[in-house]
Amino acid sequence: MKEIWMFHLPNCPYCLEAKRYVEEVRREDPAYAAAQIRMIDEAAEGELASQYDYYYVPSFYVDGKKMHEGAATKDQIRAVLKAAK
């Protein structure tokens, strides 16, 4: 699987919800359990974050391509994981 990058902020409620959805999807479909997600704290890694074109967190990238930005549904998270296959 391709590595997924997730730009987030530690106290962002939408980011916390997206992380919960990731875990739920992984439990529901073991094929996604192997997905590697690099969590990038936008505040701590501002220089890296500034190199990517997004405005809202959470933002997900697969192979440098933005797959989702902002509040996410469980189905949108599933689509991100599927894109990493």
PDB file of N, CA and C in Angstrom:
ATOM      1  N   MET A   1       0.833  -1.194   0.000  1.00  0.00           N
ATOM      2  CA  MET A   1       0.000   0.000   0.000  1.00  0.00           C
ATOM      3  C   MET A   1       0.874   1.253   0.000  1.00  0.00           C
ATOM      4  N   LYS A   2       0.338   2.282  -0.606  1.00  0.00           N
ATOM      5  CA  LYS A   2       1.023   3.569  -0.625  1.00  0.00           C
ATOM      6  C   LYS A   2       0.828   4.257   0.725  1.00  0.00           C
ATOM      7  N   GLU A   3       1.812   5.056   1.102  1.00  0.00           N
ATOM      8  CA  GLU A   3       1.709   5.778   2.374  1.00  0.00           C
ATOM      9  C   GLU A   3       0.721   6.940   2.245  1.00  0.00           C
ATOM     10  N   ILE A   4      -0.081   7.102   3.266  1.00  0.00           N
ATOM     11  CA  ILE A   4      -1.035   8.205   3.351  1.00  0.00           C
ATOM     12  C   ILE A   4      -0.457   9.252   4.296  1.00  0.00           C
ATOM     13  N   TRP A   5      -0.528  10.499   3.890  1.00  0.00           N
ATOM     14  CA  TRP A   5      -0.134  11.590   4.775  1.00  0.00           C
ATOM     15  C   TRP A   5      -1.397  12.277   5.245  1.00  0.00           C
ATOM     16  N   MET A   6      -1.493  12.446   6.559  1.00  0.00           N
ATOM     17  CA  MET A   6      -2.638  13.148   7.139  1.00  0.00           C
ATOM     18  C   MET A   6      -2.129  14.383   7.881  1.00  0.00           C
ATOM     19  N   PHE A   7      -2.461  15.537   7.360  1.00  0.00           N
ATOM     20  CA  PHE A   7      -2.140  16.786   8.044  1.00  0.00           C
ATOM     21  C   PHE A   7      -3.267  17.059   9.035  1.00  0.00           C
ATOM     22  N   HIS A   8      -2.889  17.355  10.277  1.00  0.00           N
ATOM     23  CA  HIS A   8      -3.886  17.518  11.331  1.00  0.00           C
ATOM     24  C   HIS A   8      -3.388  18.494  12.379  1.00  0.00           C
ATOM     25  N   LEU A   9      -4.286  18.837  13.280  1.00  0.00           N
ATOM     26  CA  LEU A   9      -3.958  19.583  14.488  1.00  0.00           C
ATOM     27  C   LEU A   9      -4.431  18.735  15.660  1.00  0.00           C
ATOM     28  N   PRO A  10      -3.650  18.654  16.727  1.00  0.00           N
ATOM     29  CA  PRO A  10      -3.969  17.749  17.833  1.00  0.00           C
ATOM     30  C   PRO A  10      -5.341  17.937  18.467  1.00  0.00           C
ATOM     31  N   ASN A  11      -5.828  19.149  18.571  1.00  0.00           N
ATOM     32  CA  ASN A  11      -7.099  19.399  19.250  1.00  0.00           C
ATOM     33  C   ASN A  11      -8.256  19.666  18.294  1.00  0.00           C
ATOM     34  N   CYS A  12      -8.047  19.456  17.027  1.00  0.00           N
ATOM     35  CA  CYS A  12      -9.089  19.691  16.023  1.00  0.00           C
ATOM     36  C   CYS A  12     -10.148  18.590  16.122  1.00  0.00           C
ATOM     37  N   PRO A  13     -11.402  18.950  16.384  1.00  0.00           N
ATOM     38  CA  PRO A  13     -12.437  17.918  16.515  1.00  0.00           C
ATOM     39  C   PRO A  13     -12.659  17.138  15.225  1.00  0.00           C
ATOM     40  N   TYR A  14     -12.491  17.773  14.080  1.00  0.00           N
ATOM     41  CA  TYR A  14     -12.666  17.079  12.801  1.00  0.00           C
ATOM     42  C   TYR A  14     -11.529  16.085  12.553  1.00  0.00           C
ATOM     43  N   CYS A  15     -10.339  16.444  13.025  1.00  0.00           N
ATOM     44  CA  CYS A  15      -9.189  15.540  12.903  1.00  0.00           C
ATOM     45  C   CYS A  15      -9.372  14.322  13.801  1.00  0.00           C
ATOM     46  N   LEU A  16      -9.825  14.555  15.012  1.00  0.00           N
ATOM     47  CA  LEU A  16     -10.065  13.445  15.942  1.00  0.00           C
ATOM     48  C   LEU A  16     -11.144  12.513  15.395  1.00  0.00           C
ATOM     49  N   GLU A  17     -12.174  13.088  14.818  1.00  0.00           N
ATOM     50  CA  GLU A  17     -13.232  12.275  14.216  1.00  0.00           C
ATOM     51  C   GLU A  17     -12.686  11.463  13.033  1.00  0.00           C
ATOM     52  N   ALA A  18     -11.862  12.085  12.201  1.00  0.00           N
ATOM     53  CA  ALA A  18     -11.278  11.378  11.050  1.00  0.00           C
ATOM     54  C   ALA A  18     -10.407  10.214  11.522  1.00  0.00           C
ATOM     55  N   LYS A  19      -9.656  10.418  12.590  1.00  0.00           N
ATOM     56  CA  LYS A  19      -8.822   9.338  13.129  1.00  0.00           C
ATOM     57  C   LYS A  19      -9.695   8.180  13.614  1.00  0.00           C
ATOM     58  N   ARG A  20     -10.813   8.502  14.253  1.00  0.00           N
ATOM     59  CA  ARG A  20     -11.752   7.461  14.692  1.00  0.00           C
ATOM     60  C   ARG A  20     -12.296   6.690  13.491  1.00  0.00           C
ATOM     61  N   TYR A  21     -12.638   7.409  12.441  1.00  0.00           N
ATOM     62  CA  TYR A  21     -13.148   6.754  11.236  1.00  0.00           C
ATOM     63  C   TYR A  21     -12.095   5.836  10.618  1.00  0.00           C
ATOM     64  N   VAL A  22     -10.838   6.282  10.610  1.00  0.00           N
ATOM     65  CA  VAL A  22      -9.768   5.431  10.083  1.00  0.00           C
ATOM     66  C   VAL A  22      -9.740   4.111  10.841  1.00  0.00           C
ATOM     67  N   GLU A  23      -9.790   4.187  12.154  1.00  0.00           N
ATOM     68  CA  GLU A  23      -9.743   2.963  12.964  1.00  0.00           C
ATOM     69  C   GLU A  23     -10.983   2.099  12.745  1.00  0.00           C
ATOM     70  N   GLU A  24     -12.138   2.715  12.607  1.00  0.00           N
ATOM     71  CA  GLU A  24     -13.361   1.950  12.355  1.00  0.00           C
ATOM     72  C   GLU A  24     -13.285   1.219  11.017  1.00  0.00           C
ATOM     73  N   VAL A  25     -12.842   1.912   9.985  1.00  0.00           N
ATOM     74  CA  VAL A  25     -12.732   1.295   8.659  1.00  0.00           C
ATOM     75  C   VAL A  25     -11.718   0.154   8.690  1.00  0.00           C
ATOM     76  N   ARG A  26     -10.632   0.340   9.397  1.00  0.00           N
ATOM     77  CA  ARG A  26      -9.635  -0.723   9.520  1.00  0.00           C
ATOM     78  C   ARG A  26     -10.220  -1.949  10.216  1.00  0.00           C
ATOM     79  N   ARG A  27     -11.029  -1.741  11.239  1.00  0.00           N
ATOM     80  CA  ARG A  27     -11.657  -2.874  11.932  1.00  0.00           C
ATOM     81  C   ARG A  27     -12.672  -3.575  11.035  1.00  0.00           C
ATOM     82  N   GLU A  28     -13.412  -2.805  10.263  1.00  0.00           N
ATOM     83  CA  GLU A  28     -14.440  -3.372   9.389  1.00  0.00           C
ATOM     84  C   GLU A  28     -13.852  -4.129   8.206  1.00  0.00           C
ATOM     85  N   ASP A  29     -12.722  -3.657   7.702  1.00  0.00           N
ATOM     86  CA  ASP A  29     -12.105  -4.285   6.533  1.00  0.00           C
ATOM     87  C   ASP A  29     -10.618  -4.466   6.784  1.00  0.00           C
ATOM     88  N   PRO A  30     -10.201  -5.674   7.162  1.00  0.00           N
ATOM     89  CA  PRO A  30      -8.800  -5.941   7.482  1.00  0.00           C
ATOM     90  C   PRO A  30      -7.826  -5.636   6.342  1.00  0.00           C
ATOM     91  N   ALA A  31      -8.319  -5.518   5.123  1.00  0.00           N
ATOM     92  CA  ALA A  31      -7.449  -5.182   3.990  1.00  0.00           C
ATOM     93  C   ALA A  31      -6.802  -3.804   4.183  1.00  0.00           C
ATOM     94  N   TYR A  32      -7.452  -2.959   4.953  1.00  0.00           N
ATOM     95  CA  TYR A  32      -6.918  -1.610   5.185  1.00  0.00           C
ATOM     96  C   TYR A  32      -6.015  -1.529   6.416  1.00  0.00           C
ATOM     97  N   ALA A  33      -5.894  -2.613   7.150  1.00  0.00           N
ATOM     98  CA  ALA A  33      -5.083  -2.612   8.373  1.00  0.00           C
ATOM     99  C   ALA A  33      -3.622  -2.293   8.091  1.00  0.00           C
ATOM    100  N   ALA A  34      -3.150  -2.635   6.905  1.00  0.00           N
ATOM    101  CA  ALA A  34      -1.744  -2.419   6.560  1.00  0.00           C
ATOM    102  C   ALA A  34      -1.456  -0.993   6.087  1.00  0.00           C
ATOM    103  N   ALA A  35      -2.476  -0.192   5.941  1.00  0.00           N
ATOM    104  CA  ALA A  35      -2.274   1.177   5.455  1.00  0.00           C
ATOM    105  C   ALA A  35      -1.385   1.959   6.416  1.00  0.00           C
ATOM    106  N   GLN A  36      -0.340   2.533   5.885  1.00  0.00           N
ATOM    107  CA  GLN A  36       0.574   3.354   6.674  1.00  0.00           C
ATOM    108  C   GLN A  36       0.125   4.810   6.576  1.00  0.00           C
ATOM    109  N   ILE A  37      -0.145   5.415   7.725  1.00  0.00           N
ATOM    110  CA  ILE A  37      -0.574   6.807   7.753  1.00  0.00           C
ATOM    111  C   ILE A  37       0.444   7.617   8.530  1.00  0.00           C
ATOM    112  N   ARG A  38       1.056   8.543   7.839  1.00  0.00           N
ATOM    113  CA  ARG A  38       1.997   9.456   8.496  1.00  0.00           C
ATOM    114  C   ARG A  38       1.194  10.649   9.001  1.00  0.00           C
ATOM    115  N   MET A  39       1.151  10.806  10.299  1.00  0.00           N
ATOM    116  CA  MET A  39       0.438  11.911  10.920  1.00  0.00           C
ATOM    117  C   MET A  39       1.371  13.115  10.985  1.00  0.00           C
ATOM    118  N   ILE A  40       0.971  14.187  10.348  1.00  0.00           N
ATOM    119  CA  ILE A  40       1.794  15.393  10.313  1.00  0.00           C
ATOM    120  C   ILE A  40       1.061  16.497  11.066  1.00  0.00           C
ATOM    121  N   ASP A  41       1.606  16.857  12.208  1.00  0.00           N
ATOM    122  CA  ASP A  41       1.041  17.924  13.027  1.00  0.00           C
ATOM    123  C   ASP A  41       1.387  19.249  12.354  1.00  0.00           C
ATOM    124  N   GLU A  42       0.380  19.894  11.831  1.00  0.00           N
ATOM    125  CA  GLU A  42       0.576  21.135  11.086  1.00  0.00           C
ATOM    126  C   GLU A  42       1.297  22.204  11.913  1.00  0.00           C
ATOM    127  N   ALA A  43       1.015  22.259  13.196  1.00  0.00           N
ATOM    128  CA  ALA A  43       1.638  23.271  14.056  1.00  0.00           C
ATOM    129  C   ALA A  43       3.111  22.947  14.299  1.00  0.00           C
ATOM    130  N   ALA A  44       3.426  21.678  14.515  1.00  0.00           N
ATOM    131  CA  ALA A  44       4.799  21.276  14.810  1.00  0.00           C
ATOM    132  C   ALA A  44       5.664  21.184  13.557  1.00  0.00           C
ATOM    133  N   GLU A  45       5.045  20.881  12.429  1.00  0.00           N
ATOM    134  CA  GLU A  45       5.795  20.732  11.174  1.00  0.00           C
ATOM    135  C   GLU A  45       5.302  21.737  10.135  1.00  0.00           C
ATOM    136  N   GLY A  46       5.243  22.984  10.545  1.00  0.00           N
ATOM    137  CA  GLY A  46       4.732  24.059   9.701  1.00  0.00           C
ATOM    138  C   GLY A  46       5.464  24.224   8.389  1.00  0.00           C
ATOM    139  N   GLU A  47       6.769  24.031   8.402  1.00  0.00           N
ATOM    140  CA  GLU A  47       7.546  24.189   7.173  1.00  0.00           C
ATOM    141  C   GLU A  47       7.128  23.141   6.135  1.00  0.00           C
ATOM    142  N   LEU A  48       6.959  21.909   6.567  1.00  0.00           N
ATOM    143  CA  LEU A  48       6.503  20.850   5.663  1.00  0.00           C
ATOM    144  C   LEU A  48       5.074  21.129   5.213  1.00  0.00           C
ATOM    145  N   ALA A  49       4.207  21.470   6.145  1.00  0.00           N
ATOM    146  CA  ALA A  49       2.796  21.720   5.828  1.00  0.00           C
ATOM    147  C   ALA A  49       2.637  22.849   4.809  1.00  0.00           C
ATOM    148  N   SER A  50       3.487  23.850   4.895  1.00  0.00           N
ATOM    149  CA  SER A  50       3.367  24.995   3.984  1.00  0.00           C
ATOM    150  C   SER A  50       3.700  24.630   2.537  1.00  0.00           C
ATOM    151  N   GLN A  51       4.276  23.476   2.325  1.00  0.00           N
ATOM    152  CA  GLN A  51       4.620  23.034   0.969  1.00  0.00           C
ATOM    153  C   GLN A  51       3.438  22.361   0.266  1.00  0.00           C
ATOM    154  N   TYR A  52       2.343  22.166   0.997  1.00  0.00           N
ATOM    155  CA  TYR A  52       1.182  21.476   0.435  1.00  0.00           C
ATOM    156  C   TYR A  52       0.003  22.427   0.313  1.00  0.00           C
ATOM    157  N   ASP A  53      -0.796  22.224  -0.719  1.00  0.00           N
ATOM    158  CA  ASP A  53      -1.902  23.111  -1.047  1.00  0.00           C
ATOM    159  C   ASP A  53      -3.189  22.659  -0.366  1.00  0.00           C
ATOM    160  N   TYR A  54      -3.373  23.101   0.843  1.00  0.00           N
ATOM    161  CA  TYR A  54      -4.622  22.843   1.554  1.00  0.00           C
ATOM    162  C   TYR A  54      -4.868  23.987   2.518  1.00  0.00           C
ATOM    163  N   TYR A  55      -6.124  24.120   2.911  1.00  0.00           N
ATOM    164  CA  TYR A  55      -6.498  25.173   3.838  1.00  0.00           C
ATOM    165  C   TYR A  55      -7.066  24.608   5.132  1.00  0.00           C
ATOM    166  N   TYR A  56      -7.800  23.484   5.021  1.00  0.00           N
ATOM    167  CA  TYR A  56      -8.460  22.892   6.177  1.00  0.00           C
ATOM    168  C   TYR A  56      -7.800  21.583   6.576  1.00  0.00           C
ATOM    169  N   VAL A  57      -7.883  21.278   7.869  1.00  0.00           N
ATOM    170  CA  VAL A  57      -7.479  19.971   8.362  1.00  0.00           C
ATOM    171  C   VAL A  57      -8.735  19.256   8.829  1.00  0.00           C
ATOM    172  N   PRO A  58      -8.747  17.952   8.771  1.00  0.00           N
ATOM    173  CA  PRO A  58      -7.671  17.103   8.276  1.00  0.00           C
ATOM    174  C   PRO A  58      -7.586  17.147   6.747  1.00  0.00           C
ATOM    175  N   SER A  59      -6.373  16.968   6.266  1.00  0.00           N
ATOM    176  CA  SER A  59      -6.140  16.843   4.830  1.00  0.00           C
ATOM    177  C   SER A  59      -5.347  15.574   4.590  1.00  0.00           C
ATOM    178  N   PHE A  60      -5.778  14.817   3.598  1.00  0.00           N
ATOM    179  CA  PHE A  60      -5.155  13.534   3.288  1.00  0.00           C
ATOM    180  C   PHE A  60      -4.528  13.575   1.908  1.00  0.00           C
ATOM    181  N   TYR A  61      -3.301  13.055   1.826  1.00  0.00           N
ATOM    182  CA  TYR A  61      -2.583  12.958   0.554  1.00  0.00           C
ATOM    183  C   TYR A  61      -2.114  11.523   0.349  1.00  0.00           C
ATOM    184  N   VAL A  62      -2.199  11.062  -0.894  1.00  0.00           N
ATOM    185  CA  VAL A  62      -1.657   9.764  -1.288  1.00  0.00           C
ATOM    186  C   VAL A  62      -0.770  10.031  -2.497  1.00  0.00           C
ATOM    187  N   ASP A  63       0.492   9.652  -2.401  1.00  0.00           N
ATOM    188  CA  ASP A  63       1.461   9.901  -3.473  1.00  0.00           C
ATOM    189  C   ASP A  63       1.521  11.375  -3.876  1.00  0.00           C
ATOM    190  N   GLY A  64       1.407  12.262  -2.896  1.00  0.00           N
ATOM    191  CA  GLY A  64       1.497  13.689  -3.166  1.00  0.00           C
ATOM    192  C   GLY A  64       0.232  14.304  -3.739  1.00  0.00           C
ATOM    193  N   LYS A  65      -0.809  13.502  -3.947  1.00  0.00           N
ATOM    194  CA  LYS A  65      -2.067  14.000  -4.499  1.00  0.00           C
ATOM    195  C   LYS A  65      -3.086  14.153  -3.379  1.00  0.00           C
ATOM    196  N   LYS A  66      -3.693  15.336  -3.310  1.00  0.00           N
ATOM    197  CA  LYS A  66      -4.690  15.572  -2.266  1.00  0.00           C
ATOM    198  C   LYS A  66      -5.926  14.725  -2.556  1.00  0.00           C
ATOM    199  N   MET A  67      -6.313  13.931  -1.548  1.00  0.00           N
ATOM    200  CA  MET A  67      -7.467  13.047  -1.693  1.00  0.00           C
ATOM    201  C   MET A  67      -8.697  13.582  -0.951  1.00  0.00           C
ATOM    202  N   HIS A  68      -8.447  14.340   0.114  1.00  0.00           N
ATOM    203  CA  HIS A  68      -9.557  14.902   0.879  1.00  0.00           C
ATOM    204  C   HIS A  68      -9.050  16.047   1.743  1.00  0.00           C
ATOM    205  N   GLU A  69      -9.932  17.033   1.943  1.00  0.00           N
ATOM    206  CA  GLU A  69      -9.602  18.175   2.796  1.00  0.00           C
ATOM    207  C   GLU A  69     -10.826  18.583   3.599  1.00  0.00           C
ATOM    208  N   GLY A  70     -10.637  18.771   4.895  1.00  0.00           N
ATOM    209  CA  GLY A  70     -11.714  19.247   5.761  1.00  0.00           C
ATOM    210  C   GLY A  70     -12.460  18.115   6.444  1.00  0.00           C
ATOM    211  N   ALA A  71     -13.565  18.470   7.099  1.00  0.00           N
ATOM    212  CA  ALA A  71     -14.375  17.485   7.818  1.00  0.00           C
ATOM    213  C   ALA A  71     -14.717  16.336   6.879  1.00  0.00           C
ATOM    214  N   ALA A  72     -14.606  15.124   7.391  1.00  0.00           N
ATOM    215  CA  ALA A  72     -14.786  13.944   6.539  1.00  0.00           C
ATOM    216  C   ALA A  72     -15.858  13.022   7.082  1.00  0.00           C
ATOM    217  N   THR A  73     -16.483  12.319   6.163  1.00  0.00           N
ATOM    218  CA  THR A  73     -17.407  11.255   6.548  1.00  0.00           C
ATOM    219  C   THR A  73     -16.626   9.943   6.554  1.00  0.00           C
ATOM    220  N   LYS A  74     -17.224   8.939   7.105  1.00  0.00           N
ATOM    221  CA  LYS A  74     -16.590   7.625   7.128  1.00  0.00           C
ATOM    222  C   LYS A  74     -16.364   7.107   5.705  1.00  0.00           C
ATOM    223  N   ASP A  75     -17.312   7.354   4.815  1.00  0.00           N
ATOM    224  CA  ASP A  75     -17.153   6.914   3.427  1.00  0.00           C
ATOM    225  C   ASP A  75     -16.004   7.645   2.733  1.00  0.00           C
ATOM    226  N   GLN A  76     -15.799   8.905   3.044  1.00  0.00           N
ATOM    227  CA  GLN A  76     -14.687   9.649   2.460  1.00  0.00           C
ATOM    228  C   GLN A  76     -13.355   9.109   2.962  1.00  0.00           C
ATOM    229  N   ILE A  77     -13.298   8.743   4.226  1.00  0.00           N
ATOM    230  CA  ILE A  77     -12.076   8.139   4.778  1.00  0.00           C
ATOM    231  C   ILE A  77     -11.825   6.792   4.115  1.00  0.00           C
ATOM    232  N   ARG A  78     -12.871   6.018   3.917  1.00  0.00           N
ATOM    233  CA  ARG A  78     -12.736   4.730   3.233  1.00  0.00           C
ATOM    234  C   ARG A  78     -12.164   4.935   1.822  1.00  0.00           C
ATOM    235  N   ALA A  79     -12.609   5.975   1.132  1.00  0.00           N
ATOM    236  CA  ALA A  79     -12.118   6.268  -0.218  1.00  0.00           C
ATOM    237  C   ALA A  79     -10.640   6.628  -0.205  1.00  0.00           C
ATOM    238  N   VAL A  80     -10.200   7.337   0.822  1.00  0.00           N
ATOM    239  CA  VAL A  80      -8.769   7.664   0.949  1.00  0.00           C
ATOM    240  C   VAL A  80      -7.958   6.382   1.129  1.00  0.00           C
ATOM    241  N   LEU A  81      -8.414   5.516   2.025  1.00  0.00           N
ATOM    242  CA  LEU A  81      -7.707   4.257   2.250  1.00  0.00           C
ATOM    243  C   LEU A  81      -7.697   3.400   0.987  1.00  0.00           C
ATOM    244  N   LYS A  82      -8.806   3.401   0.268  1.00  0.00           N
ATOM    245  CA  LYS A  82      -8.889   2.623  -0.974  1.00  0.00           C
ATOM    246  C   LYS A  82      -7.908   3.164  -2.006  1.00  0.00           C
ATOM    247  N   ALA A  83      -7.738   4.484  -2.064  1.00  0.00           N
ATOM    248  CA  ALA A  83      -6.810   5.093  -3.018  1.00  0.00           C
ATOM    249  C   ALA A  83      -5.364   4.707  -2.738  1.00  0.00           C
ATOM    250  N   ALA A  84      -5.082   4.317  -1.511  1.00  0.00           N
ATOM    251  CA  ALA A  84      -3.713   3.943  -1.147  1.00  0.00           C
ATOM    252  C   ALA A  84      -3.386   2.496  -1.507  1.00  0.00           C
ATOM    253  N   LYS A  85      -4.363   1.729  -1.926  1.00  0.00           N
ATOM    254  CA  LYS A  85      -4.141   0.325  -2.293  1.00  0.00           C
ATOM    255  C   LYS A  85      -3.304   0.196  -3.532  1.00  0.00           C
TER     256      LYS A  85
END
